[in-house]
PDB file of N, CA and C in Angstrom:
ATOM      1  N   MET A   1     -20.664   2.382  23.285  1.00  0.00           N
ATOM      2  CA  MET A   1     -20.512   1.575  22.082  1.00  0.00           C
ATOM      3  C   MET A   1     -21.223   0.242  22.295  1.00  0.00           C
ATOM      4  N   SER A   2     -21.899  -0.206  21.271  1.00  0.00           N
ATOM      5  CA  SER A   2     -22.605  -1.470  21.381  1.00  0.00           C
ATOM      6  C   SER A   2     -21.620  -2.632  21.383  1.00  0.00           C
ATOM      7  N   GLU A   3     -22.102  -3.756  21.880  1.00  0.00           N
ATOM      8  CA  GLU A   3     -21.252  -4.941  21.968  1.00  0.00           C
ATOM      9  C   GLU A   3     -20.902  -5.448  20.574  1.00  0.00           C
ATOM     10  N   ILE A   4     -19.682  -5.915  20.428  1.00  0.00           N
ATOM     11  CA  ILE A   4     -19.235  -6.493  19.160  1.00  0.00           C
ATOM     12  C   ILE A   4     -19.723  -7.940  19.140  1.00  0.00           C
ATOM     13  N   ASP A   5     -20.598  -8.246  18.184  1.00  0.00           N
ATOM     14  CA  ASP A   5     -21.149  -9.588  18.130  1.00  0.00           C
ATOM     15  C   ASP A   5     -20.592 -10.360  16.933  1.00  0.00           C
ATOM     16  N   GLN A   6     -20.978 -11.609  16.859  1.00  0.00           N
ATOM     17  CA  GLN A   6     -20.479 -12.499  15.813  1.00  0.00           C
ATOM     18  C   GLN A   6     -20.885 -11.995  14.422  1.00  0.00           C
ATOM     19  N   LYS A   7     -22.061 -11.380  14.318  1.00  0.00           N
ATOM     20  CA  LYS A   7     -22.530 -10.865  13.034  1.00  0.00           C
ATOM     21  C   LYS A   7     -21.613  -9.744  12.542  1.00  0.00           C
ATOM     22  N   LEU A   8     -21.191  -8.850  13.444  1.00  0.00           N
ATOM     23  CA  LEU A   8     -20.284  -7.765  13.070  1.00  0.00           C
ATOM     24  C   LEU A   8     -18.926  -8.331  12.634  1.00  0.00           C
ATOM     25  N   ILE A   9     -18.447  -9.326  13.350  1.00  0.00           N
ATOM     26  CA  ILE A   9     -17.169  -9.952  12.989  1.00  0.00           C
ATOM     27  C   ILE A   9     -17.260 -10.571  11.597  1.00  0.00           C
ATOM     28  N   GLU A  10     -18.354 -11.246  11.301  1.00  0.00           N
ATOM     29  CA  GLU A  10     -18.531 -11.847   9.980  1.00  0.00           C
ATOM     30  C   GLU A  10     -18.593 -10.780   8.892  1.00  0.00           C
ATOM     31  N   HIS A  11     -19.233  -9.645   9.198  1.00  0.00           N
ATOM     32  CA  HIS A  11     -19.284  -8.542   8.232  1.00  0.00           C
ATOM     33  C   HIS A  11     -17.882  -7.983   7.981  1.00  0.00           C
ATOM     34  N   LEU A  12     -17.124  -7.759   9.060  1.00  0.00           N
ATOM     35  CA  LEU A  12     -15.755  -7.258   8.911  1.00  0.00           C
ATOM     36  C   LEU A  12     -14.885  -8.244   8.143  1.00  0.00           C
ATOM     37  N   ALA A  13     -15.059  -9.530   8.419  1.00  0.00           N
ATOM     38  CA  ALA A  13     -14.285 -10.560   7.718  1.00  0.00           C
ATOM     39  C   ALA A  13     -14.578 -10.525   6.223  1.00  0.00           C
ATOM     40  N   SER A  14     -15.840 -10.284   5.864  1.00  0.00           N
ATOM     41  CA  SER A  14     -16.176 -10.223   4.432  1.00  0.00           C
ATOM     42  C   SER A  14     -15.560  -8.981   3.785  1.00  0.00           C
ATOM     43  N   LEU A  15     -15.488  -7.872   4.543  1.00  0.00           N
ATOM     44  CA  LEU A  15     -14.889  -6.656   3.995  1.00  0.00           C
ATOM     45  C   LEU A  15     -13.394  -6.810   3.727  1.00  0.00           C
ATOM     46  N   ILE A  16     -12.713  -7.525   4.621  1.00  0.00           N
ATOM     47  CA  ILE A  16     -11.269  -7.699   4.443  1.00  0.00           C
ATOM     48  C   ILE A  16     -10.942  -9.024   3.753  1.00  0.00           C
ATOM     49  N   ARG A  17     -11.991  -9.680   3.307  1.00  0.00           N
ATOM     50  CA  ARG A  17     -11.876 -10.884   2.494  1.00  0.00           C
ATOM     51  C   ARG A  17     -11.078 -12.009   3.153  1.00  0.00           C
ATOM     52  N   ILE A  18     -11.472 -12.305   4.400  1.00  0.00           N
ATOM     53  CA  ILE A  18     -10.922 -13.488   5.060  1.00  0.00           C
ATOM     54  C   ILE A  18     -12.082 -14.411   5.418  1.00  0.00           C
ATOM     55  N   ASP A  19     -11.819 -15.682   5.400  1.00  0.00           N
ATOM     56  CA  ASP A  19     -12.845 -16.671   5.674  1.00  0.00           C
ATOM     57  C   ASP A  19     -12.703 -17.138   7.116  1.00  0.00           C
ATOM     58  N   LEU A  20     -13.714 -16.867   7.930  1.00  0.00           N
ATOM     59  CA  LEU A  20     -13.710 -17.303   9.325  1.00  0.00           C
ATOM     60  C   LEU A  20     -14.851 -18.279   9.544  1.00  0.00           C
ATOM     61  N   ASN A  21     -14.574 -19.320  10.321  1.00  0.00           N
ATOM     62  CA  ASN A  21     -15.678 -20.197  10.698  1.00  0.00           C
ATOM     63  C   ASN A  21     -16.373 -19.606  11.922  1.00  0.00           C
ATOM     64  N   SER A  22     -17.464 -20.205  12.357  1.00  0.00           N
ATOM     65  CA  SER A  22     -18.250 -19.632  13.454  1.00  0.00           C
ATOM     66  C   SER A  22     -17.462 -19.610  14.766  1.00  0.00           C
ATOM     67  N   GLU A  23     -16.612 -20.602  14.993  1.00  0.00           N
ATOM     68  CA  GLU A  23     -15.796 -20.623  16.218  1.00  0.00           C
ATOM     69  C   GLU A  23     -14.815 -19.450  16.239  1.00  0.00           C
ATOM     70  N   GLU A  24     -14.188 -19.179  15.097  1.00  0.00           N
ATOM     71  CA  GLU A  24     -13.240 -18.074  15.007  1.00  0.00           C
ATOM     72  C   GLU A  24     -13.955 -16.734  15.179  1.00  0.00           C
ATOM     73  N   SER A  25     -15.130 -16.599  14.569  1.00  0.00           N
ATOM     74  CA  SER A  25     -15.901 -15.367  14.703  1.00  0.00           C
ATOM     75  C   SER A  25     -16.265 -15.116  16.162  1.00  0.00           C
ATOM     76  N   GLU A  26     -16.682 -16.171  16.844  1.00  0.00           N
ATOM     77  CA  GLU A  26     -17.049 -16.053  18.254  1.00  0.00           C
ATOM     78  C   GLU A  26     -15.829 -15.700  19.106  1.00  0.00           C
ATOM     79  N   LEU A  27     -14.695 -16.317  18.806  1.00  0.00           N
ATOM     80  CA  LEU A  27     -13.453 -16.033  19.534  1.00  0.00           C
ATOM     81  C   LEU A  27     -13.039 -14.580  19.356  1.00  0.00           C
ATOM     82  N   PHE A  28     -13.035 -14.097  18.104  1.00  0.00           N
ATOM     83  CA  PHE A  28     -12.633 -12.714  17.839  1.00  0.00           C
ATOM     84  C   PHE A  28     -13.604 -11.716  18.459  1.00  0.00           C
ATOM     85  N   ALA A  29     -14.889 -12.030  18.436  1.00  0.00           N
ATOM     86  CA  ALA A  29     -15.882 -11.139  19.056  1.00  0.00           C
ATOM     87  C   ALA A  29     -15.580 -11.004  20.546  1.00  0.00           C
ATOM     88  N   GLY A  30     -15.291 -12.104  21.194  1.00  0.00           N
ATOM     89  CA  GLY A  30     -14.960 -12.064  22.622  1.00  0.00           C
ATOM     90  C   GLY A  30     -13.691 -11.274  22.892  1.00  0.00           C
ATOM     91  N   GLN A  31     -12.675 -11.502  22.074  1.00  0.00           N
ATOM     92  CA  GLN A  31     -11.409 -10.791  22.263  1.00  0.00           C
ATOM     93  C   GLN A  31     -11.575  -9.286  22.041  1.00  0.00           C
ATOM     94  N   LEU A  32     -12.306  -8.906  20.996  1.00  0.00           N
ATOM     95  CA  LEU A  32     -12.509  -7.481  20.724  1.00  0.00           C
ATOM     96  C   LEU A  32     -13.363  -6.820  21.794  1.00  0.00           C
ATOM     97  N   ASN A  33     -14.339  -7.527  22.318  1.00  0.00           N
ATOM     98  CA  ASN A  33     -15.129  -6.972  23.423  1.00  0.00           C
ATOM     99  C   ASN A  33     -14.257  -6.760  24.655  1.00  0.00           C
ATOM    100  N   GLY A  34     -13.309  -7.658  24.867  1.00  0.00           N
ATOM    101  CA  GLY A  34     -12.363  -7.478  25.977  1.00  0.00           C
ATOM    102  C   GLY A  34     -11.521  -6.229  25.792  1.00  0.00           C
ATOM    103  N   LEU A  35     -11.080  -5.988  24.569  1.00  0.00           N
ATOM    104  CA  LEU A  35     -10.300  -4.778  24.278  1.00  0.00           C
ATOM    105  C   LEU A  35     -11.129  -3.520  24.497  1.00  0.00           C
ATOM    106  N   VAL A  36     -12.368  -3.543  24.049  1.00  0.00           N
ATOM    107  CA  VAL A  36     -13.242  -2.386  24.229  1.00  0.00           C
ATOM    108  C   VAL A  36     -13.414  -2.095  25.718  1.00  0.00           C
ATOM    109  N   GLU A  37     -13.571  -3.127  26.526  1.00  0.00           N
ATOM    110  CA  GLU A  37     -13.706  -2.946  27.977  1.00  0.00           C
ATOM    111  C   GLU A  37     -12.446  -2.323  28.574  1.00  0.00           C
ATOM    112  N   GLU A  38     -11.289  -2.742  28.105  1.00  0.00           N
ATOM    113  CA  GLU A  38     -10.034  -2.164  28.600  1.00  0.00           C
ATOM    114  C   GLU A  38      -9.945  -0.684  28.251  1.00  0.00           C
ATOM    115  N   PHE A  39     -10.374  -0.306  27.051  1.00  0.00           N
ATOM    116  CA  PHE A  39     -10.363   1.109  26.677  1.00  0.00           C
ATOM    117  C   PHE A  39     -11.372   1.902  27.498  1.00  0.00           C
ATOM    118  N   LYS A  40     -12.495   1.288  27.831  1.00  0.00           N
ATOM    119  CA  LYS A  40     -13.460   1.955  28.705  1.00  0.00           C
ATOM    120  C   LYS A  40     -12.828   2.230  30.070  1.00  0.00           C
ATOM    121  N   ASN A  41     -12.049   1.282  30.573  1.00  0.00           N
ATOM    122  CA  ASN A  41     -11.351   1.478  31.850  1.00  0.00           C
ATOM    123  C   ASN A  41     -10.343   2.612  31.755  1.00  0.00           C
ATOM    124  N   LEU A  42      -9.655   2.712  30.623  1.00  0.00           N
ATOM    125  CA  LEU A  42      -8.681   3.789  30.447  1.00  0.00           C
ATOM    126  C   LEU A  42      -9.352   5.157  30.438  1.00  0.00           C
ATOM    127  N   GLN A  43     -10.574   5.224  29.938  1.00  0.00           N
ATOM    128  CA  GLN A  43     -11.288   6.501  29.898  1.00  0.00           C
ATOM    129  C   GLN A  43     -11.639   6.987  31.309  1.00  0.00           C
ATOM    130  N   LEU A  44     -11.646   6.092  32.282  1.00  0.00           N
ATOM    131  CA  LEU A  44     -11.967   6.466  33.657  1.00  0.00           C
ATOM    132  C   LEU A  44     -10.776   7.078  34.389  1.00  0.00           C
ATOM    133  N   VAL A  45      -9.581   6.941  33.843  1.00  0.00           N
ATOM    134  CA  VAL A  45      -8.375   7.443  34.492  1.00  0.00           C
ATOM    135  C   VAL A  45      -8.348   8.969  34.427  1.00  0.00           C
ATOM    136  N   ASP A  46      -8.061   9.609  35.570  1.00  0.00           N
ATOM    137  CA  ASP A  46      -7.978  11.064  35.634  1.00  0.00           C
ATOM    138  C   ASP A  46      -6.647  11.511  35.042  1.00  0.00           C
ATOM    139  N   THR A  47      -6.718  12.213  33.925  1.00  0.00           N
ATOM    140  CA  THR A  47      -5.499  12.670  33.253  1.00  0.00           C
ATOM    141  C   THR A  47      -5.369  14.187  33.281  1.00  0.00           C
ATOM    142  N   ASP A  48      -6.116  14.831  34.144  1.00  0.00           N
ATOM    143  CA  ASP A  48      -6.004  16.291  34.254  1.00  0.00           C
ATOM    144  C   ASP A  48      -4.594  16.657  34.697  1.00  0.00           C
ATOM    145  N   GLY A  49      -3.997  17.599  34.004  1.00  0.00           N
ATOM    146  CA  GLY A  49      -2.655  18.055  34.345  1.00  0.00           C
ATOM    147  C   GLY A  49      -1.544  17.186  33.794  1.00  0.00           C
ATOM    148  N   VAL A  50      -1.885  16.169  33.043  1.00  0.00           N
ATOM    149  CA  VAL A  50      -0.860  15.292  32.457  1.00  0.00           C
ATOM    150  C   VAL A  50      -0.585  15.774  31.036  1.00  0.00           C
ATOM    151  N   GLU A  51       0.672  16.072  30.767  1.00  0.00           N
ATOM    152  CA  GLU A  51       1.060  16.548  29.437  1.00  0.00           C
ATOM    153  C   GLU A  51       0.979  15.413  28.421  1.00  0.00           C
ATOM    154  N   PRO A  52       0.424  15.671  27.240  1.00  0.00           N
ATOM    155  CA  PRO A  52       0.443  14.642  26.183  1.00  0.00           C
ATOM    156  C   PRO A  52       1.885  14.353  25.782  1.00  0.00           C
ATOM    157  N   THR A  53       2.151  13.107  25.466  1.00  0.00           N
ATOM    158  CA  THR A  53       3.499  12.726  25.073  1.00  0.00           C
ATOM    159  C   THR A  53       3.446  11.657  23.999  1.00  0.00           C
ATOM    160  N   GLY A  54       4.484  11.614  23.203  1.00  0.00           N
ATOM    161  CA  GLY A  54       4.578  10.581  22.178  1.00  0.00           C
ATOM    162  C   GLY A  54       5.375   9.389  22.654  1.00  0.00           C
ATOM    163  N   HIS A  55       6.068   9.549  23.789  1.00  0.00           N
ATOM    164  CA  HIS A  55       6.900   8.474  24.311  1.00  0.00           C
ATOM    165  C   HIS A  55       7.009   8.633  25.819  1.00  0.00           C
ATOM    166  N   ILE A  56       7.105   7.527  26.532  1.00  0.00           N
ATOM    167  CA  ILE A  56       7.126   7.612  27.986  1.00  0.00           C
ATOM    168  C   ILE A  56       8.487   8.007  28.544  1.00  0.00           C
ATOM    169  N   GLY A  57       9.527   7.873  27.761  1.00  0.00           N
ATOM    170  CA  GLY A  57      10.872   8.214  28.235  1.00  0.00           C
ATOM    171  C   GLY A  57      11.334   9.544  27.684  1.00  0.00           C
ATOM    172  N   ASP A  58      12.432  10.021  28.208  1.00  0.00           N
ATOM    173  CA  ASP A  58      13.008  11.276  27.727  1.00  0.00           C
ATOM    174  C   ASP A  58      14.049  10.987  26.660  1.00  0.00           C
ATOM    175  N   LEU A  59      13.618  10.367  25.586  1.00  0.00           N
ATOM    176  CA  LEU A  59      14.542  10.021  24.516  1.00  0.00           C
ATOM    177  C   LEU A  59      14.795  11.214  23.609  1.00  0.00           C
ATOM    178  N   VAL A  60      16.010  11.337  23.182  1.00  0.00           N
ATOM    179  CA  VAL A  60      16.390  12.382  22.255  1.00  0.00           C
ATOM    180  C   VAL A  60      17.054  11.704  21.064  1.00  0.00           C
ATOM    181  N   THR A  61      16.675  12.124  19.881  1.00  0.00           N
ATOM    182  CA  THR A  61      17.280  11.553  18.686  1.00  0.00           C
ATOM    183  C   THR A  61      18.733  12.018  18.594  1.00  0.00           C
ATOM    184  N   ILE A  62      19.620  11.066  18.509  1.00  0.00           N
ATOM    185  CA  ILE A  62      21.040  11.382  18.397  1.00  0.00           C
ATOM    186  C   ILE A  62      21.418  11.253  16.937  1.00  0.00           C
ATOM    187  N   MET A  63      21.863  12.359  16.373  1.00  0.00           N
ATOM    188  CA  MET A  63      22.237  12.351  14.965  1.00  0.00           C
ATOM    189  C   MET A  63      23.668  12.830  14.829  1.00  0.00           C
ATOM    190  N   ARG A  64      24.368  12.241  13.909  1.00  0.00           N
ATOM    191  CA  ARG A  64      25.740  12.675  13.662  1.00  0.00           C
ATOM    192  C   ARG A  64      25.721  13.976  12.884  1.00  0.00           C
ATOM    193  N   THR A  65      26.806  14.681  12.938  1.00  0.00           N
ATOM    194  CA  THR A  65      26.885  15.911  12.161  1.00  0.00           C
ATOM    195  C   THR A  65      27.011  15.557  10.685  1.00  0.00           C
ATOM    196  N   ASP A  66      26.454  16.381   9.864  1.00  0.00           N
ATOM    197  CA  ASP A  66      26.465  16.154   8.429  1.00  0.00           C
ATOM    198  C   ASP A  66      27.753  16.746   7.856  1.00  0.00           C
ATOM    199  N   GLU A  67      28.645  15.855   7.491  1.00  0.00           N
ATOM    200  CA  GLU A  67      29.934  16.293   6.953  1.00  0.00           C
ATOM    201  C   GLU A  67      30.110  15.726   5.555  1.00  0.00           C
ATOM    202  N   SER A  68      30.587  16.553   4.653  1.00  0.00           N
ATOM    203  CA  SER A  68      30.815  16.067   3.297  1.00  0.00           C
ATOM    204  C   SER A  68      32.112  15.268   3.257  1.00  0.00           C
ATOM    205  N   SER A  69      32.138  14.299   2.379  1.00  0.00           N
ATOM    206  CA  SER A  69      33.343  13.484   2.202  1.00  0.00           C
ATOM    207  C   SER A  69      33.440  13.087   0.732  1.00  0.00           C
ATOM    208  N   ALA A  70      34.563  12.558   0.372  1.00  0.00           N
ATOM    209  CA  ALA A  70      34.780  12.164  -1.023  1.00  0.00           C
ATOM    210  C   ALA A  70      33.873  10.985  -1.365  1.00  0.00           C
ATOM    211  N   SER A  71      33.313  11.005  -2.564  1.00  0.00           N
ATOM    212  CA  SER A  71      32.467   9.904  -3.000  1.00  0.00           C
ATOM    213  C   SER A  71      33.239   9.051  -4.001  1.00  0.00           C
ATOM    214  N   LEU A  72      32.629   7.933  -4.377  1.00  0.00           N
ATOM    215  CA  LEU A  72      33.264   7.057  -5.360  1.00  0.00           C
ATOM    216  C   LEU A  72      33.266   7.736  -6.722  1.00  0.00           C
ATOM    217  N   ASP A  73      34.286   7.445  -7.515  1.00  0.00           N
ATOM    218  CA  ASP A  73      34.262   7.992  -8.871  1.00  0.00           C
ATOM    219  C   ASP A  73      33.378   7.097  -9.747  1.00  0.00           C
ATOM    220  N   GLN A  74      33.032   7.552 -10.893  1.00  0.00           N
ATOM    221  CA  GLN A  74      32.068   6.883 -11.764  1.00  0.00           C
ATOM    222  C   GLN A  74      32.496   5.459 -12.105  1.00  0.00           C
ATOM    223  N   GLU A  75      33.755   5.234 -12.380  1.00  0.00           N
ATOM    224  CA  GLU A  75      34.222   3.897 -12.750  1.00  0.00           C
ATOM    225  C   GLU A  75      34.099   2.928 -11.580  1.00  0.00           C
ATOM    226  N   GLU A  76      34.363   3.385 -10.348  1.00  0.00           N
ATOM    227  CA  GLU A  76      34.219   2.512  -9.181  1.00  0.00           C
ATOM    228  C   GLU A  76      32.762   2.103  -8.984  1.00  0.00           C
ATOM    229  N   VAL A  77      31.845   3.025  -9.206  1.00  0.00           N
ATOM    230  CA  VAL A  77      30.420   2.703  -9.085  1.00  0.00           C
ATOM    231  C   VAL A  77      30.028   1.694 -10.152  1.00  0.00           C
ATOM    232  N   LEU A  78      30.460   1.896 -11.381  1.00  0.00           N
ATOM    233  CA  LEU A  78      30.095   1.005 -12.477  1.00  0.00           C
ATOM    234  C   LEU A  78      30.703  -0.384 -12.326  1.00  0.00           C
ATOM    235  N   MET A  79      31.810  -0.503 -11.613  1.00  0.00           N
ATOM    236  CA  MET A  79      32.412  -1.821 -11.385  1.00  0.00           C
ATOM    237  C   MET A  79      31.482  -2.697 -10.547  1.00  0.00           C
ATOM    238  N   ASN A  80      30.642  -2.096  -9.698  1.00  0.00           N
ATOM    239  CA  ASN A  80      29.718  -2.852  -8.837  1.00  0.00           C
ATOM    240  C   ASN A  80      28.379  -3.133  -9.508  1.00  0.00           C
ATOM    241  N   ALA A  81      28.132  -2.560 -10.677  1.00  0.00           N
ATOM    242  CA  ALA A  81      26.855  -2.742 -11.357  1.00  0.00           C
ATOM    243  C   ALA A  81      26.785  -4.139 -11.966  1.00  0.00           C
ATOM    244  N   PRO A  82      25.666  -4.834 -11.787  1.00  0.00           N
ATOM    245  CA  PRO A  82      25.534  -6.176 -12.368  1.00  0.00           C
ATOM    246  C   PRO A  82      25.462  -6.148 -13.887  1.00  0.00           C
ATOM    247  N   ASP A  83      24.949  -5.055 -14.445  1.00  0.00           N
ATOM    248  CA  ASP A  83      24.854  -4.933 -15.903  1.00  0.00           C
ATOM    249  C   ASP A  83      25.015  -3.454 -16.244  1.00  0.00           C
ATOM    250  N   ARG A  84      25.758  -3.186 -17.288  1.00  0.00           N
ATOM    251  CA  ARG A  84      25.962  -1.787 -17.668  1.00  0.00           C
ATOM    252  C   ARG A  84      25.949  -1.621 -19.171  1.00  0.00           C
ATOM    253  N   ASN A  85      25.711  -0.387 -19.581  1.00  0.00           N
ATOM    254  CA  ASN A  85      25.703  -0.023 -20.982  1.00  0.00           C
ATOM    255  C   ASN A  85      26.580   1.214 -21.096  1.00  0.00           C
ATOM    256  N   GLY A  86      27.826   1.022 -21.463  1.00  0.00           N
ATOM    257  CA  GLY A  86      28.767   2.135 -21.531  1.00  0.00           C
ATOM    258  C   GLY A  86      29.016   2.712 -20.146  1.00  0.00           C
ATOM    259  N   MET A  87      28.682   3.976 -19.958  1.00  0.00           N
ATOM    260  CA  MET A  87      28.898   4.631 -18.673  1.00  0.00           C
ATOM    261  C   MET A  87      27.618   4.702 -17.842  1.00  0.00           C
ATOM    262  N   PHE A  88      26.663   3.814 -18.138  1.00  0.00           N
ATOM    263  CA  PHE A  88      25.378   3.810 -17.426  1.00  0.00           C
ATOM    264  C   PHE A  88      25.133   2.438 -16.811  1.00  0.00           C
ATOM    265  N   ILE A  89      24.382   2.427 -15.701  1.00  0.00           N
ATOM    266  CA  ILE A  89      23.942   1.165 -15.089  1.00  0.00           C
ATOM    267  C   ILE A  89      22.659   0.750 -15.802  1.00  0.00           C
ATOM    268  N   LYS A  90      22.637  -0.477 -16.269  1.00  0.00           N
ATOM    269  CA  LYS A  90      21.485  -0.981 -17.012  1.00  0.00           C
ATOM    270  C   LYS A  90      20.562  -1.704 -16.012  1.00  0.00           C
ATOM    271  N   VAL A  91      19.280  -1.317 -16.017  1.00  0.00           N
ATOM    272  CA  VAL A  91      18.288  -1.922 -15.132  1.00  0.00           C
ATOM    273  C   VAL A  91      17.095  -2.390 -15.941  1.00  0.00           C
ATOM    274  N   LYS A  92      16.252  -3.245 -15.313  1.00  0.00           N
ATOM    275  CA  LYS A  92      15.052  -3.701 -15.994  1.00  0.00           C
ATOM    276  C   LYS A  92      14.093  -2.540 -16.148  1.00  0.00           C
ATOM    277  N   ARG A  93      13.334  -2.578 -17.210  1.00  0.00           N
ATOM    278  CA  ARG A  93      12.337  -1.550 -17.477  1.00  0.00           C
ATOM    279  C   ARG A  93      11.256  -1.596 -16.387  1.00  0.00           C
ATOM    280  N   VAL A  94      10.904  -0.442 -15.837  1.00  0.00           N
ATOM    281  CA  VAL A  94       9.898  -0.397 -14.781  1.00  0.00           C
ATOM    282  C   VAL A  94       8.634   0.344 -15.214  1.00  0.00           C
ATOM    283  N   ILE A  95       8.639   0.955 -16.368  1.00  0.00           N
ATOM    284  CA  ILE A  95       7.468   1.667 -16.876  1.00  0.00           C
ATOM    285  C   ILE A  95       6.830   0.823 -17.952  1.00  0.00           C
ATOM    286  N   GLU A  96       5.554   0.595 -17.810  1.00  0.00           N
ATOM    287  CA  GLU A  96       4.842  -0.212 -18.800  1.00  0.00           C
ATOM    288  C   GLU A  96       4.085   0.647 -19.749  1.00  0.00           C
TER     289      GLU A  96
END
């Protein structure tokens, strides 16, 4: 990969519509080149025989059992509504 220069940073800044001065462009170019070098170093690591993983630990998702229970009755739900119209919760219009 070619080196990330100030011109590329300025082009990217224009695409994402942020205004960078020349000092900031130079700083970001240096930082991104440092990141690219670190990824190049990672590519040198021998990973033969290493299983792909999404997480470094042996975490297991702990979920509770799904049990049905009594729900609130309609009047209890409507008591918590900030605005209502009869037996309905009144909300602001969201479709234009």
